[in-house]
Amino acid sequence: MKLSDALEDKQLDVRLRDKLVEQGKLTKKQLEDYTAKLEDSTANAAYTDENK
């Protein structure tokens, strides 16, 4: 993994992203663009409750 890829992953980590948006280091537009390109993986979901 390239360093730039690792830094991007860290920036978009759910544990850090809200703080980075608040600090202005990550824009809401960047976050929206990232989430828009994510695949829908609901077919791979594993349910633990009978009431899906």
PDB file of N, CA and C in Angstrom:
ATOM      1  N   MET A   1       0.853  -1.177   0.000  1.00  0.00           N
ATOM      2  CA  MET A   1       0.000   0.000   0.000  1.00  0.00           C
ATOM      3  C   MET A   1       0.896   1.237   0.000  1.00  0.00           C
ATOM      4  N   LYS A   2       0.533   2.175  -0.847  1.00  0.00           N
ATOM      5  CA  LYS A   2       1.276   3.428  -0.904  1.00  0.00           C
ATOM      6  C   LYS A   2       0.954   4.275   0.316  1.00  0.00           C
ATOM      7  N   LEU A   3       1.881   5.124   0.676  1.00  0.00           N
ATOM      8  CA  LEU A   3       1.698   6.013   1.816  1.00  0.00           C
ATOM      9  C   LEU A   3       0.496   6.927   1.609  1.00  0.00           C
ATOM     10  N   SER A   4       0.323   7.428   0.391  1.00  0.00           N
ATOM     11  CA  SER A   4      -0.809   8.325   0.124  1.00  0.00           C
ATOM     12  C   SER A   4      -2.139   7.606   0.311  1.00  0.00           C
ATOM     13  N   ASP A   5      -2.204   6.327  -0.066  1.00  0.00           N
ATOM     14  CA  ASP A   5      -3.430   5.541   0.133  1.00  0.00           C
ATOM     15  C   ASP A   5      -3.695   5.334   1.617  1.00  0.00           C
ATOM     16  N   ALA A   6      -2.648   5.050   2.366  1.00  0.00           N
ATOM     17  CA  ALA A   6      -2.789   4.843   3.806  1.00  0.00           C
ATOM     18  C   ALA A   6      -3.275   6.109   4.497  1.00  0.00           C
ATOM     19  N   LEU A   7      -2.756   7.252   4.088  1.00  0.00           N
ATOM     20  CA  LEU A   7      -3.178   8.520   4.681  1.00  0.00           C
ATOM     21  C   LEU A   7      -4.632   8.836   4.337  1.00  0.00           C
ATOM     22  N   GLU A   8      -5.055   8.503   3.117  1.00  0.00           N
ATOM     23  CA  GLU A   8      -6.455   8.725   2.734  1.00  0.00           C
ATOM     24  C   GLU A   8      -7.379   7.826   3.549  1.00  0.00           C
ATOM     25  N   ASP A   9      -6.984   6.569   3.727  1.00  0.00           N
ATOM     26  CA  ASP A   9      -7.783   5.651   4.543  1.00  0.00           C
ATOM     27  C   ASP A   9      -7.910   6.167   5.971  1.00  0.00           C
ATOM     28  N   LYS A  10      -6.827   6.673   6.515  1.00  0.00           N
ATOM     29  CA  LYS A  10      -6.838   7.201   7.879  1.00  0.00           C
ATOM     30  C   LYS A  10      -7.752   8.418   7.972  1.00  0.00           C
ATOM     31  N   GLN A  11      -7.705   9.265   6.955  1.00  0.00           N
ATOM     32  CA  GLN A  11      -8.506  10.474   6.944  1.00  0.00           C
ATOM     33  C   GLN A  11     -10.000  10.147   6.917  1.00  0.00           C
ATOM     34  N   LEU A  12     -10.376   9.061   6.267  1.00  0.00           N
ATOM     35  CA  LEU A  12     -11.777   8.704   6.126  1.00  0.00           C
ATOM     36  C   LEU A  12     -12.226   7.677   7.163  1.00  0.00           C
ATOM     37  N   ASP A  13     -11.372   7.355   8.092  1.00  0.00           N
ATOM     38  CA  ASP A  13     -11.717   6.437   9.171  1.00  0.00           C
ATOM     39  C   ASP A  13     -12.834   7.054  10.011  1.00  0.00           C
ATOM     40  N   VAL A  14     -13.865   6.282  10.274  1.00  0.00           N
ATOM     41  CA  VAL A  14     -15.034   6.795  10.997  1.00  0.00           C
ATOM     42  C   VAL A  14     -14.658   7.354  12.372  1.00  0.00           C
ATOM     43  N   ARG A  15     -13.580   6.849  12.951  1.00  0.00           N
ATOM     44  CA  ARG A  15     -13.159   7.319  14.266  1.00  0.00           C
ATOM     45  C   ARG A  15     -12.511   8.698  14.208  1.00  0.00           C
ATOM     46  N   LEU A  16     -12.068   9.131  13.029  1.00  0.00           N
ATOM     47  CA  LEU A  16     -11.383  10.410  12.888  1.00  0.00           C
ATOM     48  C   LEU A  16     -12.108  11.414  12.006  1.00  0.00           C
ATOM     49  N   ARG A  17     -12.962  10.945  11.112  1.00  0.00           N
ATOM     50  CA  ARG A  17     -13.493  11.819  10.061  1.00  0.00           C
ATOM     51  C   ARG A  17     -14.262  13.016  10.588  1.00  0.00           C
ATOM     52  N   ASP A  18     -15.107  12.851  11.600  1.00  0.00           N
ATOM     53  CA  ASP A  18     -15.881  13.984  12.119  1.00  0.00           C
ATOM     54  C   ASP A  18     -14.971  15.063  12.700  1.00  0.00           C
ATOM     55  N   LYS A  19     -13.934  14.629  13.372  1.00  0.00           N
ATOM     56  CA  LYS A  19     -12.973  15.578  13.934  1.00  0.00           C
ATOM     57  C   LYS A  19     -12.250  16.323  12.813  1.00  0.00           C
ATOM     58  N   LEU A  20     -11.865  15.608  11.755  1.00  0.00           N
ATOM     59  CA  LEU A  20     -11.157  16.230  10.644  1.00  0.00           C
ATOM     60  C   LEU A  20     -12.060  17.202   9.880  1.00  0.00           C
ATOM     61  N   VAL A  21     -13.339  16.877   9.750  1.00  0.00           N
ATOM     62  CA  VAL A  21     -14.286  17.794   9.112  1.00  0.00           C
ATOM     63  C   VAL A  21     -14.419  19.054   9.957  1.00  0.00           C
ATOM     64  N   GLU A  22     -14.533  18.867  11.265  1.00  0.00           N
ATOM     65  CA  GLU A  22     -14.660  20.007  12.177  1.00  0.00           C
ATOM     66  C   GLU A  22     -13.434  20.918  12.112  1.00  0.00           C
ATOM     67  N   GLN A  23     -12.263  20.321  11.966  1.00  0.00           N
ATOM     68  CA  GLN A  23     -11.021  21.095  11.899  1.00  0.00           C
ATOM     69  C   GLN A  23     -10.769  21.687  10.510  1.00  0.00           C
ATOM     70  N   GLY A  24     -11.578  21.303   9.532  1.00  0.00           N
ATOM     71  CA  GLY A  24     -11.403  21.812   8.178  1.00  0.00           C
ATOM     72  C   GLY A  24     -10.358  21.072   7.371  1.00  0.00           C
ATOM     73  N   LYS A  25      -9.857  19.961   7.885  1.00  0.00           N
ATOM     74  CA  LYS A  25      -8.850  19.180   7.170  1.00  0.00           C
ATOM     75  C   LYS A  25      -9.478  18.234   6.151  1.00  0.00           C
ATOM     76  N   LEU A  26     -10.768  18.048   6.262  1.00  0.00           N
ATOM     77  CA  LEU A  26     -11.534  17.209   5.345  1.00  0.00           C
ATOM     78  C   LEU A  26     -12.849  17.938   5.093  1.00  0.00           C
ATOM     79  N   THR A  27     -13.183  18.121   3.833  1.00  0.00           N
ATOM     80  CA  THR A  27     -14.419  18.837   3.531  1.00  0.00           C
ATOM     81  C   THR A  27     -15.595  17.864   3.461  1.00  0.00           C
ATOM     82  N   LYS A  28     -16.782  18.389   3.667  1.00  0.00           N
ATOM     83  CA  LYS A  28     -17.976  17.548   3.545  1.00  0.00           C
ATOM     84  C   LYS A  28     -18.124  17.050   2.119  1.00  0.00           C
ATOM     85  N   LYS A  29     -17.680  17.835   1.154  1.00  0.00           N
ATOM     86  CA  LYS A  29     -17.728  17.423  -0.249  1.00  0.00           C
ATOM     87  C   LYS A  29     -16.827  16.215  -0.483  1.00  0.00           C
ATOM     88  N   GLN A  30     -15.631  16.220   0.093  1.00  0.00           N
ATOM     89  CA  GLN A  30     -14.726  15.075  -0.042  1.00  0.00           C
ATOM     90  C   GLN A  30     -15.361  13.830   0.565  1.00  0.00           C
ATOM     91  N   LEU A  31     -15.992  13.993   1.699  1.00  0.00           N
ATOM     92  CA  LEU A  31     -16.643  12.874   2.369  1.00  0.00           C
ATOM     93  C   LEU A  31     -17.810  12.344   1.538  1.00  0.00           C
ATOM     94  N   GLU A  32     -18.611  13.242   0.984  1.00  0.00           N
ATOM     95  CA  GLU A  32     -19.735  12.829   0.136  1.00  0.00           C
ATOM     96  C   GLU A  32     -19.247  12.109  -1.115  1.00  0.00           C
ATOM     97  N   ASP A  33     -18.189  12.611  -1.734  1.00  0.00           N
ATOM     98  CA  ASP A  33     -17.636  11.969  -2.927  1.00  0.00           C
ATOM     99  C   ASP A  33     -17.143  10.561  -2.605  1.00  0.00           C
ATOM    100  N   TYR A  34     -16.483  10.414  -1.475  1.00  0.00           N
ATOM    101  CA  TYR A  34     -15.969   9.103  -1.065  1.00  0.00           C
ATOM    102  C   TYR A  34     -17.110   8.113  -0.819  1.00  0.00           C
ATOM    103  N   THR A  35     -18.112   8.533  -0.066  1.00  0.00           N
ATOM    104  CA  THR A  35     -19.212   7.613   0.247  1.00  0.00           C
ATOM    105  C   THR A  35     -20.055   7.291  -0.986  1.00  0.00           C
ATOM    106  N   ALA A  36     -20.117   8.202  -1.950  1.00  0.00           N
ATOM    107  CA  ALA A  36     -20.882   7.957  -3.171  1.00  0.00           C
ATOM    108  C   ALA A  36     -20.251   6.866  -4.032  1.00  0.00           C
ATOM    109  N   LYS A  37     -18.931   6.708  -3.950  1.00  0.00           N
ATOM    110  CA  LYS A  37     -18.269   5.708  -4.786  1.00  0.00           C
ATOM    111  C   LYS A  37     -18.126   4.333  -4.102  1.00  0.00           C
ATOM    112  N   LEU A  38     -18.601   4.210  -2.868  1.00  0.00           N
ATOM    113  CA  LEU A  38     -18.547   2.914  -2.189  1.00  0.00           C
ATOM    114  C   LEU A  38     -19.568   1.953  -2.781  1.00  0.00           C
ATOM    115  N   GLU A  39     -19.208   0.681  -2.830  1.00  0.00           N
ATOM    116  CA  GLU A  39     -20.110  -0.352  -3.331  1.00  0.00           C
ATOM    117  C   GLU A  39     -21.187  -0.655  -2.303  1.00  0.00           C
ATOM    118  N   ASP A  40     -22.335  -1.106  -2.800  1.00  0.00           N
ATOM    119  CA  ASP A  40     -23.401  -1.559  -1.927  1.00  0.00           C
ATOM    120  C   ASP A  40     -23.128  -3.031  -1.600  1.00  0.00           C
ATOM    121  N   SER A  41     -22.860  -3.340  -0.356  1.00  0.00           N
ATOM    122  CA  SER A  41     -22.525  -4.715   0.021  1.00  0.00           C
ATOM    123  C   SER A  41     -23.592  -5.328   0.936  1.00  0.00           C
ATOM    124  N   THR A  42     -24.829  -4.877   0.803  1.00  0.00           N
ATOM    125  CA  THR A  42     -25.897  -5.432   1.649  1.00  0.00           C
ATOM    126  C   THR A  42     -26.125  -6.910   1.372  1.00  0.00           C
ATOM    127  N   ALA A  43     -25.783  -7.381   0.183  1.00  0.00           N
ATOM    128  CA  ALA A  43     -25.941  -8.801  -0.133  1.00  0.00           C
ATOM    129  C   ALA A  43     -25.003  -9.666   0.714  1.00  0.00           C
ATOM    130  N   ASN A  44     -23.945  -9.071   1.232  1.00  0.00           N
ATOM    131  CA  ASN A  44     -22.975  -9.814   2.047  1.00  0.00           C
ATOM    132  C   ASN A  44     -23.270  -9.705   3.546  1.00  0.00           C
ATOM    133  N   ALA A  45     -24.362  -9.050   3.892  1.00  0.00           N
ATOM    134  CA  ALA A  45     -24.673  -8.824   5.304  1.00  0.00           C
ATOM    135  C   ALA A  45     -25.052 -10.122   6.008  1.00  0.00           C
ATOM    136  N   ALA A  46     -24.652 -10.240   7.244  1.00  0.00           N
ATOM    137  CA  ALA A  46     -25.015 -11.384   8.077  1.00  0.00           C
ATOM    138  C   ALA A  46     -25.903 -10.869   9.193  1.00  0.00           C
ATOM    139  N   TYR A  47     -27.116 -11.381   9.258  1.00  0.00           N
ATOM    140  CA  TYR A  47     -28.071 -10.922  10.266  1.00  0.00           C
ATOM    141  C   TYR A  47     -27.981 -11.804  11.494  1.00  0.00           C
ATOM    142  N   THR A  48     -28.087 -11.186  12.649  1.00  0.00           N
ATOM    143  CA  THR A  48     -28.003 -11.931  13.906  1.00  0.00           C
ATOM    144  C   THR A  48     -29.346 -12.020  14.600  1.00  0.00           C
ATOM    145  N   ASP A  49     -30.354 -11.363  14.025  1.00  0.00           N
ATOM    146  CA  ASP A  49     -31.683 -11.359  14.612  1.00  0.00           C
ATOM    147  C   ASP A  49     -32.661 -11.946  13.604  1.00  0.00           C
ATOM    148  N   GLU A  50     -33.681 -12.629  14.066  1.00  0.00           N
ATOM    149  CA  GLU A  50     -34.639 -13.240  13.155  1.00  0.00           C
ATOM    150  C   GLU A  50     -35.502 -12.188  12.453  1.00  0.00           C
ATOM    151  N   ASN A  51     -35.595 -10.985  13.003  1.00  0.00           N
ATOM    152  CA  ASN A  51     -36.392  -9.904  12.413  1.00  0.00           C
ATOM    153  C   ASN A  51     -35.532  -9.066  11.486  1.00  0.00           C
ATOM    154  N   LYS A  52     -35.275  -9.575  10.300  1.00  0.00           N
ATOM    155  CA  LYS A  52     -34.400  -8.891   9.347  1.00  0.00           C
ATOM    156  C   LYS A  52     -34.996  -7.588   8.971  1.00  0.00           C
TER     157      LYS A  52
END
